[in-house]
N, C-alpha and C. Protein backbone atom coordinates (compact mmCIF):
# COMPACT_ATOMS: atom_id res chain seq x y z
N MET A 1 169.97 66.37 181.06
CA MET A 1 169.21 66.75 179.40
C MET A 1 167.81 66.68 179.23
N ALA A 2 167.49 67.77 180.47
CA ALA A 2 165.95 67.74 180.48
C ALA A 2 165.35 69.09 179.62
N GLY A 3 166.33 69.85 179.33
CA GLY A 3 165.50 71.09 178.62
C GLY A 3 164.80 70.74 177.08
N TYR A 4 164.32 71.85 176.86
CA TYR A 4 163.95 71.59 175.44
C TYR A 4 164.62 71.62 174.42
N ASN A 5 165.76 72.20 174.34
CA ASN A 5 166.62 72.45 173.58
C ASN A 5 167.31 70.83 173.29
N ARG A 6 167.67 70.11 173.10
CA ARG A 6 167.75 68.57 172.68
C ARG A 6 169.18 68.56 172.18
N THR A 7 169.02 69.52 170.96
CA THR A 7 170.20 69.59 169.98
C THR A 7 171.24 70.30 170.50
N ARG A 8 171.31 71.33 171.14
CA ARG A 8 172.11 72.09 171.90
C ARG A 8 173.06 71.53 173.21
N GLU A 9 172.12 70.86 173.66
CA GLU A 9 172.47 70.03 175.43
C GLU A 9 173.47 68.55 174.71
N VAL A 10 173.04 68.36 173.26
CA VAL A 10 173.99 67.26 172.68
C VAL A 10 175.18 67.67 172.33
N GLU A 11 175.34 68.67 171.47
CA GLU A 11 176.65 69.26 171.05
C GLU A 11 177.34 69.86 172.56
N GLN A 12 176.55 70.38 173.46
CA GLN A 12 177.37 70.54 174.68
C GLN A 12 177.92 69.46 175.55
N LEU A 13 177.52 68.42 175.39
CA LEU A 13 177.79 67.35 176.03
C LEU A 13 178.55 66.80 175.53
N LEU A 14 178.85 66.60 174.56
CA LEU A 14 179.78 66.03 172.99
C LEU A 14 181.01 67.05 173.32
N GLN A 15 180.76 68.19 173.78
CA GLN A 15 182.09 69.07 173.36
C GLN A 15 182.96 69.06 175.12
N LYS A 16 181.98 68.67 176.13
CA LYS A 16 182.43 68.48 177.30
C LYS A 16 183.17 67.12 177.41
N THR A 17 182.88 66.37 177.06
CA THR A 17 183.18 64.65 177.01
C THR A 17 184.41 64.27 175.87
N GLN A 18 184.60 65.34 174.90
CA GLN A 18 185.48 65.15 173.75
C GLN A 18 186.76 64.10 174.27
N SER A 19 187.14 64.58 175.22
CA SER A 19 188.64 64.34 175.84
C SER A 19 188.40 63.23 177.29
N SER A 20 187.18 62.96 177.27
CA SER A 20 186.57 61.68 178.31
C SER A 20 186.51 60.25 176.96
N PRO A 21 186.87 58.92 177.97
CA PRO A 21 186.58 58.10 177.32
C PRO A 21 185.33 57.82 176.96
N PRO A 22 184.58 57.48 175.88
CA PRO A 22 183.25 57.07 175.97
C PRO A 22 182.49 56.06 176.86
N SER A 23 181.81 55.71 176.83
CA SER A 23 180.71 54.43 177.51
C SER A 23 181.32 53.05 176.85
N PHE A 24 181.17 53.20 175.40
CA PHE A 24 181.89 51.99 174.82
C PHE A 24 181.83 52.31 173.65
N VAL A 25 182.68 51.57 173.04
CA VAL A 25 182.86 51.80 171.55
C VAL A 25 182.24 50.96 170.48
N VAL A 26 181.72 50.88 169.40
CA VAL A 26 181.38 50.08 168.34
C VAL A 26 181.81 50.48 167.02
N HIS A 27 182.70 49.18 166.58
CA HIS A 27 183.50 49.23 165.37
C HIS A 27 182.54 48.52 164.42
N LEU A 28 182.11 49.43 163.09
CA LEU A 28 181.37 48.85 162.20
C LEU A 28 181.84 48.71 160.93
N HIS A 29 181.73 47.27 160.33
CA HIS A 29 182.56 46.47 159.39
C HIS A 29 181.30 45.93 158.59
N ALA A 30 181.71 45.98 157.12
CA ALA A 30 180.66 45.86 156.01
C ALA A 30 180.18 44.44 156.42
N GLU A 31 180.68 43.68 156.91
CA GLU A 31 179.70 42.08 157.68
C GLU A 31 179.69 42.14 158.61
N HIS A 32 180.07 42.54 159.75
CA HIS A 32 180.08 42.50 161.06
C HIS A 32 180.35 43.47 161.96
N TRP A 33 180.32 43.36 162.89
CA TRP A 33 180.43 44.68 164.10
C TRP A 33 181.20 43.94 165.26
N ILE A 34 181.74 45.14 165.75
CA ILE A 34 182.86 44.89 167.17
C ILE A 34 182.17 45.75 168.48
N LEU A 35 182.04 45.02 169.41
CA LEU A 35 181.25 45.98 170.60
C LEU A 35 182.63 45.92 171.26
N ASN A 36 183.54 47.22 171.48
CA ASN A 36 184.35 47.57 172.63
C ASN A 36 185.66 46.97 171.58
N ASN A 37 186.35 46.07 171.97
CA ASN A 37 187.69 45.29 171.59
C ASN A 37 187.16 43.66 171.77
N GLY A 38 185.91 43.35 171.51
CA GLY A 38 185.63 41.98 172.21
C GLY A 38 184.85 41.37 170.87
N SER A 39 184.28 40.36 170.99
CA SER A 39 183.69 39.39 169.89
C SER A 39 183.15 40.29 168.48
N LYS A 40 183.51 39.28 167.58
CA LYS A 40 182.40 39.70 166.14
C LYS A 40 180.90 39.54 166.44
N PHE A 41 180.26 40.55 165.82
CA PHE A 41 178.76 40.20 165.76
C PHE A 41 178.27 40.04 164.34
N LEU A 42 177.52 39.53 163.65
CA LEU A 42 176.86 39.94 162.58
C LEU A 42 175.68 40.67 163.00
N TYR A 43 175.42 41.48 161.79
CA TYR A 43 174.02 42.34 161.82
C TYR A 43 172.51 41.74 162.17
N ASN A 44 172.86 40.68 161.94
CA ASN A 44 171.24 39.84 162.17
C ASN A 44 171.43 39.23 163.38
N ASN A 45 172.25 39.20 164.06
CA ASN A 45 172.61 38.69 165.58
C ASN A 45 171.66 39.19 166.48
N GLN A 46 170.91 38.65 167.49
CA GLN A 46 169.77 38.80 168.48
C GLN A 46 170.79 40.32 169.16
N ILE A 47 171.92 40.33 169.62
CA ILE A 47 172.40 41.50 170.09
C ILE A 47 172.67 42.67 169.38
N ALA A 48 172.34 42.69 168.12
CA ALA A 48 172.47 43.74 167.11
C ALA A 48 171.15 44.68 167.86
N SER A 49 170.34 44.12 168.58
CA SER A 49 169.58 45.01 168.84
C SER A 49 170.19 46.20 169.86
N LEU A 50 171.43 46.09 169.95
CA LEU A 50 172.01 47.47 170.80
C LEU A 50 172.16 48.54 169.34
N LEU A 51 172.35 47.94 168.38
CA LEU A 51 172.35 49.28 167.37
C LEU A 51 171.13 49.91 167.02
N ASP A 52 170.21 49.10 167.16
CA ASP A 52 168.87 49.92 167.09
C ASP A 52 168.57 51.15 168.27
N ASP A 53 169.55 50.59 169.43
CA ASP A 53 169.05 51.70 170.48
C ASP A 53 169.97 52.69 170.13
N ILE A 54 171.16 52.27 169.79
CA ILE A 54 172.06 53.45 169.52
C ILE A 54 171.70 54.46 168.12
N ARG A 55 170.53 53.90 167.13
CA ARG A 55 170.54 54.70 166.40
C ARG A 55 168.95 55.26 166.57
N ALA A 56 168.48 54.85 167.90
CA ALA A 56 167.12 55.43 168.52
C ALA A 56 167.81 56.52 169.34
N HIS A 57 169.37 56.65 169.70
CA HIS A 57 169.56 57.12 170.67
C HIS A 57 168.98 57.38 171.91
N ARG A 58 168.51 56.17 172.28
CA ARG A 58 168.06 55.51 173.76
C ARG A 58 169.42 54.68 174.53
N ILE A 59 169.19 54.98 176.05
CA ILE A 59 170.26 53.86 176.32
C ILE A 59 169.47 52.54 176.19
N PRO A 60 170.22 51.41 175.85
CA PRO A 60 169.58 50.02 175.69
C PRO A 60 168.97 49.48 177.19
N VAL A 61 168.01 49.28 177.56
CA VAL A 61 167.60 48.65 178.64
C VAL A 61 167.87 47.45 178.97
N ASP A 62 167.95 46.52 177.80
CA ASP A 62 168.33 45.39 177.81
C ASP A 62 169.72 45.06 178.63
N PHE A 63 170.77 46.33 177.94
CA PHE A 63 172.09 46.03 178.65
C PHE A 63 172.03 46.93 179.88
N LEU A 64 171.18 47.30 180.80
CA LEU A 64 171.33 47.75 182.17
C LEU A 64 172.26 47.24 182.83
N ASP A 65 171.87 46.15 183.28
CA ASP A 65 172.41 45.06 184.23
C ASP A 65 173.99 45.19 183.86
N LEU A 66 174.27 44.62 182.49
CA LEU A 66 175.76 44.73 182.29
C LEU A 66 176.40 46.10 182.39
N PHE A 67 176.07 47.33 182.11
CA PHE A 67 176.42 48.45 182.24
C PHE A 67 176.84 48.65 183.90
N ASP A 68 175.71 48.10 184.62
CA ASP A 68 176.05 48.33 185.96
C ASP A 68 177.31 47.88 186.29
N GLN A 69 177.12 46.29 186.36
CA GLN A 69 178.07 45.91 186.62
C GLN A 69 179.56 45.73 186.30
N THR A 70 179.66 46.43 184.91
CA THR A 70 180.79 46.80 184.28
C THR A 70 181.32 48.52 184.49
N GLN A 71 180.93 48.86 185.23
CA GLN A 71 181.00 50.07 185.43
C GLN A 71 181.12 51.42 184.66
N VAL A 72 180.39 51.05 183.27
CA VAL A 72 180.16 51.96 182.20
C VAL A 72 180.12 53.38 182.90
N PRO A 73 180.86 54.38 182.36
CA PRO A 73 180.44 55.64 182.70
C PRO A 73 179.50 56.41 181.49
N PHE A 74 178.59 57.36 182.40
CA PHE A 74 177.85 57.89 182.17
C PHE A 74 178.02 59.57 182.27
N TYR A 75 177.07 60.18 181.10
CA TYR A 75 177.63 61.47 181.34
C TYR A 75 176.23 62.19 181.57
N ASP A 76 175.94 63.27 182.38
CA ASP A 76 175.14 64.05 182.51
C ASP A 76 173.54 62.92 182.66
N GLY A 77 173.66 61.72 183.06
CA GLY A 77 172.85 60.87 182.83
C GLY A 77 172.53 60.15 181.55
N CYS A 78 173.49 60.59 180.59
CA CYS A 78 173.54 60.01 179.07
C CYS A 78 174.60 58.82 179.12
N MET A 79 174.75 58.16 177.88
CA MET A 79 175.53 57.45 177.84
C MET A 79 176.46 58.10 176.32
N VAL A 80 177.80 57.94 176.04
CA VAL A 80 178.40 58.80 175.02
C VAL A 80 179.10 57.75 174.13
N VAL A 81 178.38 57.26 173.33
CA VAL A 81 179.10 56.10 172.28
C VAL A 81 179.61 56.10 171.23
N GLU A 82 181.46 56.07 170.74
CA GLU A 82 182.08 56.18 169.94
C GLU A 82 181.90 54.94 169.04
N LEU A 83 181.73 55.59 167.83
CA LEU A 83 181.19 54.70 166.41
C LEU A 83 182.17 54.77 165.54
N LEU A 84 182.75 53.85 165.08
CA LEU A 84 183.99 53.97 163.91
C LEU A 84 183.53 52.96 163.29
N ASP A 85 183.36 53.63 162.19
CA ASP A 85 182.78 53.08 160.82
C ASP A 85 183.82 52.75 159.89
N TYR A 86 184.11 51.58 159.53
CA TYR A 86 185.37 51.30 158.67
C TYR A 86 184.27 50.77 157.30
N ARG A 87 183.48 50.74 156.98
CA ARG A 87 182.35 50.41 156.01
C ARG A 87 182.87 51.51 154.66
N SER A 88 183.35 50.98 153.73
CA SER A 88 183.60 51.99 152.26
C SER A 88 181.82 52.90 152.50
N GLN A 89 182.38 53.90 151.71
CA GLN A 89 181.25 55.02 151.67
C GLN A 89 180.65 55.13 150.09
N LYS A 90 179.81 55.58 149.81
CA LYS A 90 179.26 55.77 148.38
C LYS A 90 180.53 56.37 147.52
N GLY A 91 181.05 55.55 146.50
CA GLY A 91 181.99 55.86 145.79
C GLY A 91 183.33 55.20 145.70
N GLN A 92 183.30 54.84 146.89
CA GLN A 92 184.70 53.83 147.42
C GLN A 92 184.82 52.80 146.80
N GLU A 93 185.44 52.06 146.60
CA GLU A 93 185.72 50.54 146.16
C GLU A 93 185.96 49.43 147.54
N SER A 94 187.07 50.00 148.09
CA SER A 94 187.25 48.90 149.27
C SER A 94 187.02 49.72 150.57
N ALA A 95 187.00 49.06 151.95
CA ALA A 95 186.82 49.14 153.04
C ALA A 95 188.03 50.18 153.33
N GLN A 96 187.07 51.07 154.29
CA GLN A 96 188.36 52.45 154.80
C GLN A 96 189.75 52.13 155.20
N GLN A 97 190.81 52.51 155.44
CA GLN A 97 191.94 51.87 156.68
C GLN A 97 191.88 52.88 157.84
N ALA A 98 191.35 54.08 157.31
CA ALA A 98 190.87 54.91 158.90
C ALA A 98 189.62 54.92 159.05
N PRO A 99 188.88 54.63 160.22
CA PRO A 99 187.53 54.64 160.35
C PRO A 99 186.84 56.36 160.39
N GLN A 100 185.57 56.49 159.97
CA GLN A 100 185.22 57.43 160.09
C GLN A 100 184.53 57.46 161.74
N LYS A 101 185.01 58.48 162.49
CA LYS A 101 184.70 58.68 164.00
C LYS A 101 183.61 59.46 163.91
N THR A 102 182.40 58.88 164.97
CA THR A 102 181.56 59.51 165.28
C THR A 102 181.06 59.24 166.70
N ARG A 103 180.49 60.22 167.51
CA ARG A 103 180.21 60.16 168.66
C ARG A 103 178.42 60.54 168.76
N VAL A 104 177.76 59.87 169.66
CA VAL A 104 176.59 59.59 169.89
C VAL A 104 176.30 59.85 170.90
N VAL A 105 174.97 60.41 171.34
CA VAL A 105 174.65 60.64 172.94
C VAL A 105 173.24 59.88 173.01
N LEU A 106 173.04 58.70 174.00
CA LEU A 106 171.99 58.19 174.17
C LEU A 106 171.42 58.47 175.23
N HIS A 107 170.11 58.64 175.23
CA HIS A 107 169.16 59.28 176.40
C HIS A 107 168.61 58.40 177.37
N PRO A 108 168.63 58.61 178.28
CA PRO A 108 167.39 57.66 179.28
C PRO A 108 166.03 58.13 178.98
N ASN A 109 165.23 56.58 179.38
CA ASN A 109 163.73 56.94 178.64
C ASN A 109 162.84 56.47 179.90
N PRO A 110 161.82 56.33 180.17
CA PRO A 110 160.67 55.75 181.37
C PRO A 110 161.24 54.27 181.65
N GLU A 111 161.63 53.61 180.29
CA GLU A 111 161.55 52.09 180.34
C GLU A 111 163.49 52.08 181.15
N THR A 112 164.43 52.80 180.96
CA THR A 112 165.58 52.68 181.38
C THR A 112 165.38 53.05 183.17
N LEU A 113 164.59 53.79 183.53
CA LEU A 113 164.16 54.28 184.89
C LEU A 113 163.66 53.28 185.75
N TRP A 114 162.74 52.77 184.93
CA TRP A 114 162.02 51.75 185.73
C TRP A 114 162.98 50.55 185.76
N ALA A 115 163.70 49.75 184.52
CA ALA A 115 164.94 49.13 185.02
C ALA A 115 165.63 49.51 186.05
N ASP A 116 166.03 50.76 186.04
CA ASP A 116 167.20 51.21 187.26
C ASP A 116 166.50 51.16 188.67
N LEU A 117 165.09 51.30 188.81
CA LEU A 117 164.55 50.83 189.87
C LEU A 117 164.24 49.19 190.40
N CYS A 118 164.09 48.33 189.51
CA CYS A 118 164.26 47.36 189.28
C CYS A 118 165.43 46.59 189.88
N ILE A 119 166.75 47.29 189.35
CA ILE A 119 168.17 47.10 189.96
C ILE A 119 168.36 47.53 191.46
N LEU A 120 168.03 48.28 191.58
CA LEU A 120 167.80 48.93 192.62
C LEU A 120 167.40 48.36 193.95
N ASN A 121 165.93 47.68 193.65
CA ASN A 121 165.02 46.88 194.19
C ASN A 121 166.00 45.74 194.68
N GLN A 122 166.51 44.83 193.48
CA GLN A 122 166.98 43.68 193.79
C GLN A 122 168.31 43.99 195.02
N ARG A 123 169.25 45.26 194.64
CA ARG A 123 170.35 45.17 195.69
C ARG A 123 169.54 45.52 197.11
N HIS A 124 168.35 46.02 197.48
CA HIS A 124 167.87 46.09 198.79
C HIS A 124 166.97 44.83 199.03
N GLY A 125 167.28 43.62 198.35
CA GLY A 125 166.38 42.10 199.04
C GLY A 125 165.18 42.10 198.26
N GLY A 126 165.15 42.64 197.15
CA GLY A 126 163.64 42.87 196.61
C GLY A 126 162.22 43.16 197.81
N LYS A 127 162.59 43.61 198.20
CA LYS A 127 161.38 43.79 199.48
C LYS A 127 160.12 45.12 199.05
N TRP A 128 160.58 45.69 198.05
CA TRP A 128 159.77 46.81 197.72
C TRP A 128 158.24 46.14 197.25
N THR A 129 157.58 46.75 197.67
CA THR A 129 156.10 46.35 197.02
C THR A 129 155.63 47.46 195.64
N ASP A 130 155.01 46.74 194.89
CA ASP A 130 154.68 47.86 193.82
C ASP A 130 154.11 48.86 194.14
N ARG A 131 153.23 49.13 195.42
CA ARG A 131 153.19 50.91 195.82
C ARG A 131 154.49 51.25 195.96
N GLU A 132 155.47 50.87 196.86
CA GLU A 132 156.72 51.79 197.32
C GLU A 132 157.39 52.06 196.12
N ALA A 133 157.49 51.03 194.88
CA ALA A 133 158.47 51.44 193.96
C ALA A 133 157.86 52.68 193.03
N LEU A 134 156.65 52.48 193.07
CA LEU A 134 155.58 53.62 192.29
C LEU A 134 156.04 54.75 192.71
N GLU A 135 155.95 55.04 194.23
CA GLU A 135 156.14 55.91 194.75
C GLU A 135 157.66 56.76 194.65
N ILE A 136 158.53 55.74 194.68
CA ILE A 136 159.99 56.38 194.68
C ILE A 136 160.22 56.78 193.39
N GLU A 137 159.54 56.31 192.17
CA GLU A 137 159.32 56.38 191.00
C GLU A 137 158.73 57.64 190.64
N ALA A 138 157.55 58.10 191.24
CA ALA A 138 157.10 59.43 191.23
C ALA A 138 157.86 60.27 191.82
N LYS A 139 158.86 59.92 192.67
CA LYS A 139 159.78 61.02 193.36
C LYS A 139 160.77 61.42 192.50
N VAL A 140 161.17 60.16 191.84
CA VAL A 140 162.18 60.49 190.84
C VAL A 140 161.72 61.21 189.98
N LEU A 141 160.41 60.82 189.42
CA LEU A 141 160.05 62.02 188.14
C LEU A 141 160.24 63.27 188.13
N VAL A 142 159.56 63.76 189.90
CA VAL A 142 159.45 64.78 190.36
C VAL A 142 160.98 65.82 190.21
N ASN A 143 161.68 65.16 190.45
CA ASN A 143 163.10 65.24 190.56
C ASN A 143 164.08 65.21 189.20
N TRP A 144 163.60 64.87 188.19
CA TRP A 144 164.02 64.34 186.99
C TRP A 144 165.12 65.47 186.64
N HIS A 145 164.95 66.78 186.34
CA HIS A 145 166.09 67.57 185.86
C HIS A 145 167.10 67.52 187.02
N SER A 146 166.94 67.59 188.24
CA SER A 146 168.37 67.47 189.14
C SER A 146 168.97 66.23 188.48
N PHE A 147 168.34 65.12 188.30
CA PHE A 147 169.20 64.21 188.09
C PHE A 147 169.74 63.49 186.63
N SER A 148 169.10 64.47 185.65
CA SER A 148 169.38 64.38 184.53
C SER A 148 170.70 65.46 184.22
N THR A 149 171.03 66.35 185.09
CA THR A 149 171.63 67.44 184.76
C THR A 149 173.14 67.29 185.69
N SER A 150 173.18 65.83 186.47
CA SER A 150 174.25 65.20 186.89
C SER A 150 175.40 64.60 186.42
N SER A 151 176.00 64.18 186.71
CA SER A 151 177.32 63.37 186.34
C SER A 151 176.48 62.15 185.72
N SER A 152 175.77 61.23 186.71
CA SER A 152 175.72 60.16 186.39
C SER A 152 173.70 59.79 186.96
N ALA A 153 173.18 59.71 186.00
CA ALA A 153 171.89 59.74 186.51
C ALA A 153 171.60 58.51 187.13
N HIS A 154 172.44 57.38 186.81
CA HIS A 154 171.73 56.02 187.26
C HIS A 154 172.66 56.01 188.47
N SER A 155 173.66 56.61 188.84
CA SER A 155 174.42 56.79 190.04
C SER A 155 173.98 57.69 190.98
N LEU A 156 172.94 58.68 190.22
CA LEU A 156 172.46 59.79 191.40
C LEU A 156 171.24 59.07 191.84
N LEU A 157 170.60 58.40 190.99
CA LEU A 157 169.45 57.46 191.31
C LEU A 157 169.59 56.35 192.47
N ALA A 158 170.64 55.77 192.12
CA ALA A 158 170.92 54.88 193.55
C ALA A 158 171.09 56.01 194.75
N CYS A 159 171.98 56.74 194.43
CA CYS A 159 172.05 57.73 195.88
C CYS A 159 170.69 58.11 196.49
N TYR A 160 170.23 58.78 195.48
CA TYR A 160 168.61 59.10 195.94
C TYR A 160 167.78 58.08 196.72
N LEU A 161 167.65 57.06 195.97
CA LEU A 161 166.99 55.85 196.12
C LEU A 161 167.48 55.50 197.95
N THR A 162 168.88 55.50 198.01
CA THR A 162 169.63 54.87 199.17
C THR A 162 168.75 55.59 200.06
N SER A 163 168.59 57.05 200.30
CA SER A 163 168.06 57.83 201.11
C SER A 163 166.87 57.63 201.17
N ALA A 164 166.09 57.31 199.95
CA ALA A 164 164.60 57.61 200.22
C ALA A 164 163.94 55.88 200.43
N VAL A 165 164.45 54.72 200.25
CA VAL A 165 164.46 53.39 200.24
C VAL A 165 163.23 53.46 201.57
N PRO A 166 161.79 52.68 201.15
CA PRO A 166 161.14 52.67 202.24
C PRO A 166 161.50 51.64 203.45
């Protein structure tokens, strides 16, 4: 997703993944929200920062470890999030029975790249020096387009770095 026309690329990714499972699902209710089919969270809860990241269309860096551990699917280096909105719309008196369904694409950013590098460093025993980590990051940035157009930038980054680890 490194091209100049992000809107077109998002539309193409959403069309390509319409029959694939989303990376995760957020159920939006009037007083709370639910991640996948788990616990209820209030909108002012600390974990609600996830909603801020979704609104900004960026992969939430604070949750990368969790996504990695639970093997959340990435599509073309991005996450596809399904929003199910049960809140009432303007002009309606009660909450909707059938939710309004929307899919949103979350994009990687320099912060998620650095977090991925840190995760991979931990997997390799935390032996990288700052210089080695920066060299690997530079190699990844030079080749970013090939990462961002593959099935999972996160896993491709891991494969690339496994062969490039000092």
